C-alpha atoms as a PDB file:
ATOM      1  CA  UNK A   1      88.392  31.186  -8.231  1.00  0.00           C
ATOM      2  CA  UNK A   2      89.861  27.656  -8.741  1.00  0.00           C
ATOM      3  CA  UNK A   3      90.515  27.467  -4.986  1.00  0.00           C
ATOM      4  CA  UNK A   4      86.898  28.450  -4.298  1.00  0.00           C
ATOM      5  CA  UNK A   5      85.682  25.739  -6.672  1.00  0.00           C
ATOM      6  CA  UNK A   6      87.867  23.117  -4.988  1.00  0.00           C
ATOM      7  CA  UNK A   7      86.613  24.266  -1.600  1.00  0.00           C
ATOM      8  CA  UNK A   8      83.045  23.987  -2.880  1.00  0.00           C
ATOM      9  CA  UNK A   9      83.502  20.407  -4.097  1.00  0.00           C
ATOM     10  CA  UNK A  10      85.219  19.345  -0.865  1.00  0.00           C
ATOM     11  CA  UNK A  11      82.527  20.974   1.278  1.00  0.00           C
ATOM     12  CA  UNK A  12      79.767  19.395  -0.832  1.00  0.00           C
ATOM     13  CA  UNK A  13      81.364  15.979  -0.430  1.00  0.00           C
ATOM     14  CA  UNK A  14      81.766  16.519   3.325  1.00  0.00           C
ATOM     15  CA  UNK A  15      78.140  17.619   3.626  1.00  0.00           C
ATOM     16  CA  UNK A  16      76.768  14.608   1.765  1.00  0.00           C
ATOM     17  CA  UNK A  17      79.033  12.102   3.516  1.00  0.00           C
ATOM     18  CA  UNK A  18      78.349  13.430   7.030  1.00  0.00           C
ATOM     19  CA  UNK A  19      74.594  13.699   6.410  1.00  0.00           C
ATOM     20  CA  UNK A  20      74.598   9.997   5.597  1.00  0.00           C
ATOM     21  CA  UNK A  21      75.461   9.240   9.236  1.00  0.00           C
ATOM     22  CA  UNK A  22      72.002  10.269  10.501  1.00  0.00           C
ATOM     23  CA  UNK A  23      70.610   6.690  10.620  1.00  0.00           C
ATOM     24  CA  UNK A  24      73.758   5.446  12.405  1.00  0.00           C
ATOM     25  CA  UNK A  25      73.154   7.786  15.340  1.00  0.00           C
ATOM     26  CA  UNK A  26      69.374   8.242  15.292  1.00  0.00           C
ATOM     27  CA  UNK A  27      67.938   4.765  14.724  1.00  0.00           C
ATOM     28  CA  UNK A  28      69.391   3.286  17.966  1.00  0.00           C
ATOM     29  CA  UNK A  29      67.772   6.165  19.886  1.00  0.00           C
ATOM     30  CA  UNK A  30      64.413   5.682  18.166  1.00  0.00           C
ATOM     31  CA  UNK A  31      64.589   1.960  18.930  1.00  0.00           C
ATOM     32  CA  UNK A  32      65.095   2.817  22.604  1.00  0.00           C
ATOM     33  CA  UNK A  33      61.804   4.670  22.659  1.00  0.00           C
ATOM     34  CA  UNK A  34      62.880   8.292  22.152  1.00  0.00           C
ATOM     35  CA  UNK A  35      60.268   9.889  19.865  1.00  0.00           C
ATOM     36  CA  UNK A  36      61.537  11.812  16.862  1.00  0.00           C
ATOM     37  CA  UNK A  37      60.265  15.232  18.033  1.00  0.00           C
ATOM     38  CA  UNK A  38      62.284  14.949  21.255  1.00  0.00           C
ATOM     39  CA  UNK A  39      65.268  13.541  19.375  1.00  0.00           C
ATOM     40  CA  UNK A  40      65.225  16.338  16.801  1.00  0.00           C
ATOM     41  CA  UNK A  41      64.826  18.971  19.536  1.00  0.00           C
ATOM     42  CA  UNK A  42      67.956  17.689  21.306  1.00  0.00           C
ATOM     43  CA  UNK A  43      69.773  17.443  17.977  1.00  0.00           C
ATOM     44  CA  UNK A  44      68.991  21.005  16.929  1.00  0.00           C
ATOM     45  CA  UNK A  45      69.479  22.504  20.396  1.00  0.00           C
ATOM     46  CA  UNK A  46      72.937  20.985  20.915  1.00  0.00           C
ATOM     47  CA  UNK A  47      73.990  21.797  17.345  1.00  0.00           C
ATOM     48  CA  UNK A  48      72.917  25.428  17.823  1.00  0.00           C
ATOM     49  CA  UNK A  49      74.839  25.649  21.105  1.00  0.00           C
ATOM     50  CA  UNK A  50      77.975  24.120  19.559  1.00  0.00           C
ATOM     51  CA  UNK A  51      77.877  26.491  16.582  1.00  0.00           C
ATOM     52  CA  UNK A  52      77.298  29.479  18.857  1.00  0.00           C
ATOM     53  CA  UNK A  53      80.225  28.486  21.082  1.00  0.00           C
ATOM     54  CA  UNK A  54      82.574  27.987  18.120  1.00  0.00           C
ATOM     55  CA  UNK A  55      81.545  31.345  16.649  1.00  0.00           C
ATOM     56  CA  UNK A  56      82.173  33.151  19.918  1.00  0.00           C
ATOM     57  CA  UNK A  57      85.558  31.477  20.399  1.00  0.00           C
ATOM     58  CA  UNK A  58      86.562  32.694  16.935  1.00  0.00           C
ATOM     59  CA  UNK A  59      85.452  36.215  17.886  1.00  0.00           C
ATOM     60  CA  UNK A  60      82.794  36.458  15.186  1.00  0.00           C
ATOM     61  CA  UNK A  61      79.342  37.927  15.557  1.00  0.00           C
ATOM     62  CA  UNK A  62      75.965  36.295  14.935  1.00  0.00           C
ATOM     63  CA  UNK A  63      74.005  39.489  14.310  1.00  0.00           C
ATOM     64  CA  UNK A  64      71.582  39.614  11.399  1.00  0.00           C
ATOM     65  CA  UNK A  65      70.348  42.590   9.436  1.00  0.00           C
ATOM     66  CA  UNK A  66      66.613  43.148   9.493  1.00  0.00           C
ATOM     67  CA  UNK A  67      66.166  42.140   5.854  1.00  0.00           C
ATOM     68  CA  UNK A  68      67.949  38.818   6.430  1.00  0.00           C
ATOM     69  CA  UNK A  69      65.687  37.647   9.264  1.00  0.00           C
ATOM     70  CA  UNK A  70      62.704  36.513   7.115  1.00  0.00           C
ATOM     71  CA  UNK A  71      64.981  34.400   4.882  1.00  0.00           C
ATOM     72  CA  UNK A  72      66.675  32.807   7.894  1.00  0.00           C
ATOM     73  CA  UNK A  73      63.271  32.037   9.424  1.00  0.00           C
ATOM     74  CA  UNK A  74      62.143  30.372   6.186  1.00  0.00           C
ATOM     75  CA  UNK A  75      65.375  28.340   6.020  1.00  0.00           C
ATOM     76  CA  UNK A  76      64.855  27.138   9.593  1.00  0.00           C
ATOM     77  CA  UNK A  77      61.263  26.127   8.874  1.00  0.00           C
ATOM     78  CA  UNK A  78      62.191  24.292   5.661  1.00  0.00           C
ATOM     79  CA  UNK A  79      65.084  22.418   7.266  1.00  0.00           C
ATOM     80  CA  UNK A  80      62.931  21.403  10.238  1.00  0.00           C
ATOM     81  CA  UNK A  81      60.007  20.299   8.052  1.00  0.00           C
ATOM     82  CA  UNK A  82      62.342  18.221   5.883  1.00  0.00           C
ATOM     83  CA  UNK A  83      63.629  16.408   8.993  1.00  0.00           C
ATOM     84  CA  UNK A  84      60.099  15.841  10.322  1.00  0.00           C
ATOM     85  CA  UNK A  85      58.788  14.438   7.046  1.00  0.00           C
ATOM     86  CA  UNK A  86      61.764  12.133   6.571  1.00  0.00           C
ATOM     87  CA  UNK A  87      61.493  10.689  10.089  1.00  0.00           C
ATOM     88  CA  UNK A  88      57.742  10.230   9.570  1.00  0.00           C
ATOM     89  CA  UNK A  89      58.438   8.329   6.341  1.00  0.00           C
ATOM     90  CA  UNK A  90      60.541   5.811   8.312  1.00  0.00           C
ATOM     91  CA  UNK A  91      57.266   4.564   9.858  1.00  0.00           C
ATOM     92  CA  UNK A  92      55.899   3.595   6.438  1.00  0.00           C
ATOM     93  CA  UNK A  93      58.908   2.358   4.456  1.00  0.00           C
ATOM     94  CA  UNK A  94      62.368   0.867   5.130  1.00  0.00           C
ATOM     95  CA  UNK A  95      65.114   3.374   5.911  1.00  0.00           C
ATOM     96  CA  UNK A  96      67.134   2.452   2.817  1.00  0.00           C
ATOM     97  CA  UNK A  97      64.150   2.933   0.530  1.00  0.00           C
ATOM     98  CA  UNK A  98      63.355   6.321   2.091  1.00  0.00           C
ATOM     99  CA  UNK A  99      66.985   7.388   1.588  1.00  0.00           C
ATOM    100  CA  UNK A 100      66.788   6.293  -2.049  1.00  0.00           C
ATOM    101  CA  UNK A 101      63.554   8.170  -2.742  1.00  0.00           C
ATOM    102  CA  UNK A 102      64.829  11.229  -0.881  1.00  0.00           C
ATOM    103  CA  UNK A 103      67.620  11.550  -3.431  1.00  0.00           C
ATOM    104  CA  UNK A 104      65.109  12.907  -5.909  1.00  0.00           C
ATOM    105  CA  UNK A 105      66.031  16.321  -4.455  1.00  0.00           C
ATOM    106  CA  UNK A 106      68.954  16.936  -6.882  1.00  0.00           C
ATOM    107  CA  UNK A 107      66.499  16.479  -9.768  1.00  0.00           C
ATOM    108  CA  UNK A 108      64.116  18.953  -8.140  1.00  0.00           C
ATOM    109  CA  UNK A 109      66.968  21.428  -7.604  1.00  0.00           C
ATOM    110  CA  UNK A 110      68.101  21.091 -11.233  1.00  0.00           C
ATOM    111  CA  UNK A 111      64.565  21.493 -12.597  1.00  0.00           C
ATOM    112  CA  UNK A 112      63.760  24.527 -10.421  1.00  0.00           C
ATOM    113  CA  UNK A 113      67.090  26.196 -11.147  1.00  0.00           C
ATOM    114  CA  UNK A 114      66.591  25.677 -14.899  1.00  0.00           C
ATOM    115  CA  UNK A 115      62.911  26.675 -14.982  1.00  0.00           C
ATOM    116  CA  UNK A 116      63.005  29.625 -12.593  1.00  0.00           C
ATOM    117  CA  UNK A 117      66.566  30.938 -12.842  1.00  0.00           C
ATOM    118  CA  UNK A 118      67.548  29.797 -16.344  1.00  0.00           C
ATOM    119  CA  UNK A 119      70.544  27.775 -15.163  1.00  0.00           C
ATOM    120  CA  UNK A 120      71.928  25.651 -17.987  1.00  0.00           C
ATOM    121  CA  UNK A 121      72.123  21.923 -17.262  1.00  0.00           C
ATOM    122  CA  UNK A 122      75.221  20.703 -19.114  1.00  0.00           C
ATOM    123  CA  UNK A 123      75.576  17.223 -20.568  1.00  0.00           C
ATOM    124  CA  UNK A 124      78.253  16.430 -18.002  1.00  0.00           C
ATOM    125  CA  UNK A 125      75.973  17.351 -15.101  1.00  0.00           C
ATOM    126  CA  UNK A 126      73.072  15.388 -16.596  1.00  0.00           C
ATOM    127  CA  UNK A 127      75.321  12.341 -16.993  1.00  0.00           C
ATOM    128  CA  UNK A 128      76.653  12.724 -13.429  1.00  0.00           C
ATOM    129  CA  UNK A 129      73.132  13.022 -12.052  1.00  0.00           C
ATOM    130  CA  UNK A 130      71.936   9.951 -13.993  1.00  0.00           C
ATOM    131  CA  UNK A 131      74.973   7.926 -12.882  1.00  0.00           C
ATOM    132  CA  UNK A 132      74.454   8.914  -9.222  1.00  0.00           C
ATOM    133  CA  UNK A 133      70.752   8.011  -9.286  1.00  0.00           C
ATOM    134  CA  UNK A 134      71.566   4.695 -10.975  1.00  0.00           C
ATOM    135  CA  UNK A 135      74.134   3.890  -8.316  1.00  0.00           C
ATOM    136  CA  UNK A 136      71.743   4.669  -5.471  1.00  0.00           C
ATOM    137  CA  UNK A 137      68.996   2.604  -7.109  1.00  0.00           C
ATOM    138  CA  UNK A 138      71.456  -0.286  -7.398  1.00  0.00           C
ATOM    139  CA  UNK A 139      72.228   0.045  -3.683  1.00  0.00           C
ATOM    140  CA  UNK A 140      68.658  -0.333  -2.492  1.00  0.00           C
ATOM    141  CA  UNK A 141      66.294  -1.421  -5.243  1.00  0.00           C
ATOM    142  CA  UNK A 142      67.780  -4.772  -6.275  1.00  0.00           C
ATOM    143  CA  UNK A 143      66.634  -8.001  -4.674  1.00  0.00           C
ATOM    144  CA  UNK A 144      64.110  -8.639  -1.942  1.00  0.00           C
ATOM    145  CA  UNK A 145      60.573  -7.420  -1.594  1.00  0.00           C
ATOM    146  CA  UNK A 146      60.199  -3.674  -1.135  1.00  0.00           C
ATOM    147  CA  UNK A 147      57.450  -2.290   1.065  1.00  0.00           C
ATOM    148  CA  UNK A 148      56.091   0.696  -0.841  1.00  0.00           C
ATOM    149  CA  UNK A 149      53.545   2.986   0.736  1.00  0.00           C
ATOM    150  CA  UNK A 150      51.647   5.852  -0.870  1.00  0.00           C
ATOM    151  CA  UNK A 151      51.877   7.794   2.391  1.00  0.00           C
ATOM    152  CA  UNK A 152      55.588   7.029   2.731  1.00  0.00           C
ATOM    153  CA  UNK A 153      56.258   8.092  -0.849  1.00  0.00           C
ATOM    154  CA  UNK A 154      54.306  11.342  -0.373  1.00  0.00           C
ATOM    155  CA  UNK A 155      56.197  12.121   2.841  1.00  0.00           C
ATOM    156  CA  UNK A 156      59.573  11.384   1.258  1.00  0.00           C
ATOM    157  CA  UNK A 157      58.813  13.468  -1.851  1.00  0.00           C
ATOM    158  CA  UNK A 158      57.697  16.369   0.353  1.00  0.00           C
ATOM    159  CA  UNK A 159      60.883  16.050   2.423  1.00  0.00           C
ATOM    160  CA  UNK A 160      62.980  16.134  -0.768  1.00  0.00           C
ATOM    161  CA  UNK A 161      61.084  19.156  -2.088  1.00  0.00           C
ATOM    162  CA  UNK A 162      61.551  21.163   1.120  1.00  0.00           C
ATOM    163  CA  UNK A 163      65.261  20.257   1.216  1.00  0.00           C
ATOM    164  CA  UNK A 164      65.614  21.341  -2.431  1.00  0.00           C
ATOM    165  CA  UNK A 165      63.918  24.638  -1.566  1.00  0.00           C
ATOM    166  CA  UNK A 166      66.361  25.088   1.338  1.00  0.00           C
ATOM    167  CA  UNK A 167      69.370  24.648  -0.967  1.00  0.00           C
ATOM    168  CA  UNK A 168      67.988  27.045  -3.563  1.00  0.00           C
ATOM    169  CA  UNK A 169      67.139  29.784  -1.045  1.00  0.00           C
ATOM    170  CA  UNK A 170      70.653  29.531   0.409  1.00  0.00           C
ATOM    171  CA  UNK A 171      71.976  30.154  -3.108  1.00  0.00           C
ATOM    172  CA  UNK A 172      69.537  32.775  -4.400  1.00  0.00           C
ATOM    173  CA  UNK A 173      68.502  34.879  -1.387  1.00  0.00           C
ATOM    174  CA  UNK A 174      70.347  37.731   0.321  1.00  0.00           C
ATOM    175  CA  UNK A 175      71.788  35.310   2.910  1.00  0.00           C
ATOM    176  CA  UNK A 176      74.066  33.919   0.187  1.00  0.00           C
ATOM    177  CA  UNK A 177      76.921  36.177   1.285  1.00  0.00           C
ATOM    178  CA  UNK A 178      76.659  35.347   4.996  1.00  0.00           C
ATOM    179  CA  UNK A 179      79.149  32.991   6.621  1.00  0.00           C
ATOM    180  CA  UNK A 180      78.113  29.357   6.484  1.00  0.00           C
ATOM    181  CA  UNK A 181      78.267  29.058  10.274  1.00  0.00           C
ATOM    182  CA  UNK A 182      75.945  32.046  10.729  1.00  0.00           C
ATOM    183  CA  UNK A 183      73.331  30.719   8.301  1.00  0.00           C
ATOM    184  CA  UNK A 184      73.521  27.267   9.891  1.00  0.00           C
ATOM    185  CA  UNK A 185      73.299  28.712  13.441  1.00  0.00           C
ATOM    186  CA  UNK A 186      70.129  30.703  12.837  1.00  0.00           C
ATOM    187  CA  UNK A 187      68.528  27.973  10.696  1.00  0.00           C
ATOM    188  CA  UNK A 188      69.087  25.457  13.485  1.00  0.00           C
ATOM    189  CA  UNK A 189      67.959  27.945  16.138  1.00  0.00           C
ATOM    190  CA  UNK A 190      64.671  28.399  14.267  1.00  0.00           C
ATOM    191  CA  UNK A 191      64.337  24.630  14.013  1.00  0.00           C
ATOM    192  CA  UNK A 192      64.973  24.275  17.749  1.00  0.00           C
ATOM    193  CA  UNK A 193      62.054  26.592  18.467  1.00  0.00           C
ATOM    194  CA  UNK A 194      59.817  24.570  16.124  1.00  0.00           C
ATOM    195  CA  UNK A 195      60.638  21.247  17.787  1.00  0.00           C
ATOM    196  CA  UNK A 196      60.285  22.742  21.260  1.00  0.00           C
ATOM    197  CA  UNK A 197      56.764  23.798  20.273  1.00  0.00           C
ATOM    198  CA  UNK A 198      56.067  20.314  18.863  1.00  0.00           C
ATOM    199  CA  UNK A 199      56.938  18.772  22.234  1.00  0.00           C
ATOM    200  CA  UNK A 200      54.228  20.887  23.877  1.00  0.00           C
ATOM    201  CA  UNK A 201      56.809  23.513  24.872  1.00  0.00           C
ATOM    202  CA  UNK A 202      58.657  20.857  26.843  1.00  0.00           C
ATOM    203  CA  UNK A 203      55.660  19.145  28.464  1.00  0.00           C
ATOM    204  CA  UNK A 204      56.013  16.049  26.233  1.00  0.00           C
ATOM    205  CA  UNK A 205      59.799  16.157  25.946  1.00  0.00           C
ATOM    206  CA  UNK A 206      61.236  12.700  26.594  1.00  0.00           C
ATOM    207  CA  UNK A 207      64.398  12.138  28.605  1.00  0.00           C
ATOM    208  CA  UNK A 208      67.459  10.573  27.018  1.00  0.00           C
ATOM    209  CA  UNK A 209      67.693   7.173  28.761  1.00  0.00           C
ATOM    210  CA  UNK A 210      71.453   6.744  29.342  1.00  0.00           C
ATOM    211  CA  UNK A 211      74.945   8.200  29.034  1.00  0.00           C
ATOM    212  CA  UNK A 212      75.512   6.085  25.941  1.00  0.00           C
ATOM    213  CA  UNK A 213      72.340   7.512  24.405  1.00  0.00           C
ATOM    214  CA  UNK A 214      73.521  11.035  25.214  1.00  0.00           C
ATOM    215  CA  UNK A 215      76.738  10.226  23.343  1.00  0.00           C
ATOM    216  CA  UNK A 216      74.690   9.281  20.288  1.00  0.00           C
ATOM    217  CA  UNK A 217      72.678  12.510  20.585  1.00  0.00           C
ATOM    218  CA  UNK A 218      75.899  14.527  20.764  1.00  0.00           C
ATOM    219  CA  UNK A 219      77.334  12.807  17.697  1.00  0.00           C
ATOM    220  CA  UNK A 220      74.029  13.303  15.853  1.00  0.00           C
ATOM    221  CA  UNK A 221      74.147  17.018  16.656  1.00  0.00           C
ATOM    222  CA  UNK A 222      77.765  17.528  15.612  1.00  0.00           C
ATOM    223  CA  UNK A 223      78.556  15.284  12.636  1.00  0.00           C
ATOM    224  CA  UNK A 224      75.448  15.134  10.393  1.00  0.00           C
ATOM    225  CA  UNK A 225      74.170  18.487  11.626  1.00  0.00           C
ATOM    226  CA  UNK A 226      76.893  21.048  12.433  1.00  0.00           C
ATOM    227  CA  UNK A 227      79.397  19.664   9.923  1.00  0.00           C
ATOM    228  CA  UNK A 228      76.803  18.938   7.236  1.00  0.00           C
ATOM    229  CA  UNK A 229      74.900  22.243   7.505  1.00  0.00           C
ATOM    230  CA  UNK A 230      77.948  24.515   7.493  1.00  0.00           C
ATOM    231  CA  UNK A 231      79.586  22.546   4.668  1.00  0.00           C
ATOM    232  CA  UNK A 232      76.378  22.661   2.636  1.00  0.00           C
ATOM    233  CA  UNK A 233      76.118  26.448   2.816  1.00  0.00           C
ATOM    234  CA  UNK A 234      79.779  26.922   1.850  1.00  0.00           C
ATOM    235  CA  UNK A 235      79.455  24.459  -1.032  1.00  0.00           C
ATOM    236  CA  UNK A 236      76.353  26.173  -2.439  1.00  0.00           C
ATOM    237  CA  UNK A 237      78.139  29.509  -2.278  1.00  0.00           C
ATOM    238  CA  UNK A 238      81.183  28.204  -4.183  1.00  0.00           C
ATOM    239  CA  UNK A 239      79.735  25.842  -6.817  1.00  0.00           C
ATOM    240  CA  UNK A 240      75.981  26.476  -6.823  1.00  0.00           C
ATOM    241  CA  UNK A 241      72.862  24.541  -5.868  1.00  0.00           C
ATOM    242  CA  UNK A 242      72.832  21.888  -8.591  1.00  0.00           C
ATOM    243  CA  UNK A 243      76.425  20.695  -8.206  1.00  0.00           C
ATOM    244  CA  UNK A 244      76.101  20.649  -4.421  1.00  0.00           C
ATOM    245  CA  UNK A 245      72.947  18.552  -4.581  1.00  0.00           C
ATOM    246  CA  UNK A 246      74.622  16.007  -6.906  1.00  0.00           C
ATOM    247  CA  UNK A 247      77.478  15.641  -4.404  1.00  0.00           C
ATOM    248  CA  UNK A 248      74.812  14.582  -1.917  1.00  0.00           C
ATOM    249  CA  UNK A 249      75.038  11.174  -3.596  1.00  0.00           C
ATOM    250  CA  UNK A 250      77.835  10.433  -1.133  1.00  0.00           C
ATOM    251  CA  UNK A 251      75.197  10.250   1.615  1.00  0.00           C
ATOM    252  CA  UNK A 252      74.105   6.638   0.964  1.00  0.00           C
ATOM    253  CA  UNK A 253      77.727   5.616   0.334  1.00  0.00           C
ATOM    254  CA  UNK A 254      78.520   6.664   3.900  1.00  0.00           C
ATOM    255  CA  UNK A 255      75.543   4.694   5.197  1.00  0.00           C
ATOM    256  CA  UNK A 256      76.626   1.547   3.335  1.00  0.00           C
ATOM    257  CA  UNK A 257      80.276   1.811   4.420  1.00  0.00           C
ATOM    258  CA  UNK A 258      79.160   2.292   8.041  1.00  0.00           C
ATOM    259  CA  UNK A 259      76.923  -0.751   7.746  1.00  0.00           C
ATOM    260  CA  UNK A 260      79.868  -2.807   6.537  1.00  0.00           C
ATOM    261  CA  UNK A 261      82.411  -1.547   9.086  1.00  0.00           C
ATOM    262  CA  UNK A 262      80.167  -1.120  12.148  1.00  0.00           C
ATOM    263  CA  UNK A 263      77.396  -3.677  11.716  1.00  0.00           C
ATOM    264  CA  UNK A 264      79.345  -6.275   9.688  1.00  0.00           C
ATOM    265  CA  UNK A 265      76.910  -6.102   6.771  1.00  0.00           C
ATOM    266  CA  UNK A 266      78.205  -7.928   3.644  1.00  0.00           C
ATOM    267  CA  UNK A 267      79.975  -5.958   0.902  1.00  0.00           C
ATOM    268  CA  UNK A 268      78.593  -7.651  -2.203  1.00  0.00           C
ATOM    269  CA  UNK A 269      79.632  -7.116  -5.804  1.00  0.00           C
ATOM    270  CA  UNK A 270      76.374  -5.210  -6.384  1.00  0.00           C
ATOM    271  CA  UNK A 271      77.078  -2.838  -3.492  1.00  0.00           C
ATOM    272  CA  UNK A 272      80.662  -2.329  -4.667  1.00  0.00           C
ATOM    273  CA  UNK A 273      79.445  -1.560  -8.212  1.00  0.00           C
ATOM    274  CA  UNK A 274      76.882   0.914  -6.847  1.00  0.00           C
ATOM    275  CA  UNK A 275      79.539   2.734  -4.820  1.00  0.00           C
ATOM    276  CA  UNK A 276      81.809   2.830  -7.891  1.00  0.00           C
ATOM    277  CA  UNK A 277      78.976   4.410  -9.907  1.00  0.00           C
ATOM    278  CA  UNK A 278      78.337   7.082  -7.278  1.00  0.00           C
ATOM    279  CA  UNK A 279      82.024   7.928  -6.863  1.00  0.00           C
ATOM    280  CA  UNK A 280      82.278   7.999 -10.655  1.00  0.00           C
ATOM    281  CA  UNK A 281      79.377  10.448 -10.774  1.00  0.00           C
ATOM    282  CA  UNK A 282      81.180  12.764  -8.366  1.00  0.00           C
ATOM    283  CA  UNK A 283      84.408  12.587 -10.390  1.00  0.00           C
ATOM    284  CA  UNK A 284      82.463  13.157 -13.631  1.00  0.00           C
ATOM    285  CA  UNK A 285      80.780  16.212 -12.120  1.00  0.00           C
ATOM    286  CA  UNK A 286      84.092  17.754 -11.066  1.00  0.00           C
ATOM    287  CA  UNK A 287      85.790  16.918 -14.388  1.00  0.00           C
ATOM    288  CA  UNK A 288      82.932  18.165 -16.579  1.00  0.00           C
ATOM    289  CA  UNK A 289      82.682  21.430 -14.656  1.00  0.00           C
ATOM    290  CA  UNK A 290      86.446  21.902 -14.898  1.00  0.00           C
ATOM    291  CA  UNK A 291      86.411  21.275 -18.650  1.00  0.00           C
ATOM    292  CA  UNK A 292      83.465  23.645 -19.024  1.00  0.00           C
ATOM    293  CA  UNK A 293      85.268  26.412 -17.157  1.00  0.00           C
ATOM    294  CA  UNK A 294      88.436  25.807 -19.190  1.00  0.00           C
ATOM    295  CA  UNK A 295      86.512  26.029 -22.459  1.00  0.00           C
ATOM    296  CA  UNK A 296      84.696  29.172 -21.303  1.00  0.00           C
ATOM    297  CA  UNK A 297      87.937  30.877 -20.275  1.00  0.00           C
ATOM    298  CA  UNK A 298      89.608  29.870 -23.545  1.00  0.00           C
ATOM    299  CA  UNK A 299      86.741  31.219 -25.652  1.00  0.00           C
ATOM    300  CA  UNK A 300      86.840  34.488 -23.712  1.00  0.00           C
ATOM    301  CA  UNK A 301      90.561  34.866 -24.360  1.00  0.00           C
ATOM    302  CA  UNK A 302      90.116  34.192 -28.066  1.00  0.00           C
ATOM    303  CA  UNK A 303      87.187  36.642 -28.238  1.00  0.00           C
ATOM    304  CA  UNK A 304      89.173  39.334 -26.417  1.00  0.00           C
ATOM    305  CA  UNK A 305      92.164  38.935 -28.760  1.00  0.00           C
ATOM    306  CA  UNK A 306      89.842  39.093 -31.772  1.00  0.00           C
ATOM    307  CA  UNK A 307      88.254  42.320 -30.562  1.00  0.00           C
ATOM    308  CA  UNK A 308      91.656  43.863 -29.866  1.00  0.00           C
ATOM    309  CA  UNK A 309      92.674  43.283 -33.465  1.00  0.00           C
END
């Protein structure tokens, strides 16, 4: 069990960090005139092909039982809709602000899990969630004039809600026990079909303009898609929906670090403090969960000894 928990935290961190690379690979393509439906079709198609190839090389099957198909279809639709809504929000608000507002999804996950499934929200998790949200707000909401938009806010909230629903269904449906790669493969395959339909079944599909652009598409398909999706499913399975969603706070940290290293953006004291808060939230989450498990195990041992007497 401890090994599963550690695996869950590591996978959650990998999922959040890799997902934060989406703007790094996608924005240059959008600026070159590739529309987001075509871009997302290429992203999902290549990611599906890569996952299928890896699965076959490992000698594993991709077959689904009949009862699992509806849940996989719903997961694919939710994941695709979340991507569509988030890219649409970029037209109304700055990318950083959209990323900040999108991080409301851990709150939505926590509220739904508590209200519908009775999951207890510990003080440690509440503190970690508050610290993570504070750090992200410090990253993007300090200084300068922010361009808010009612439409952009509605799109971003809807994207967060659909992503929260995706995480919860992965945890609470019968696909919970499937391999992460299988869930990710079929979710992305369903999304590929959706984006193919949105391009007029290929009639409005735009060409990728250059070899360099194809490299960006390939990286977009592998790092923030294949790596992030498979890691997300494994993390949810090991540590649950709420903890996994809090670890998503590493997403904007990745974006900021990339901006500093790749685009020579300044690393100010405010940005450094925000990153420290987010990393602190992750460490607090892991520590509080570990202490909670230790206390639970200790109370069980004491109760068992008492009953034996």
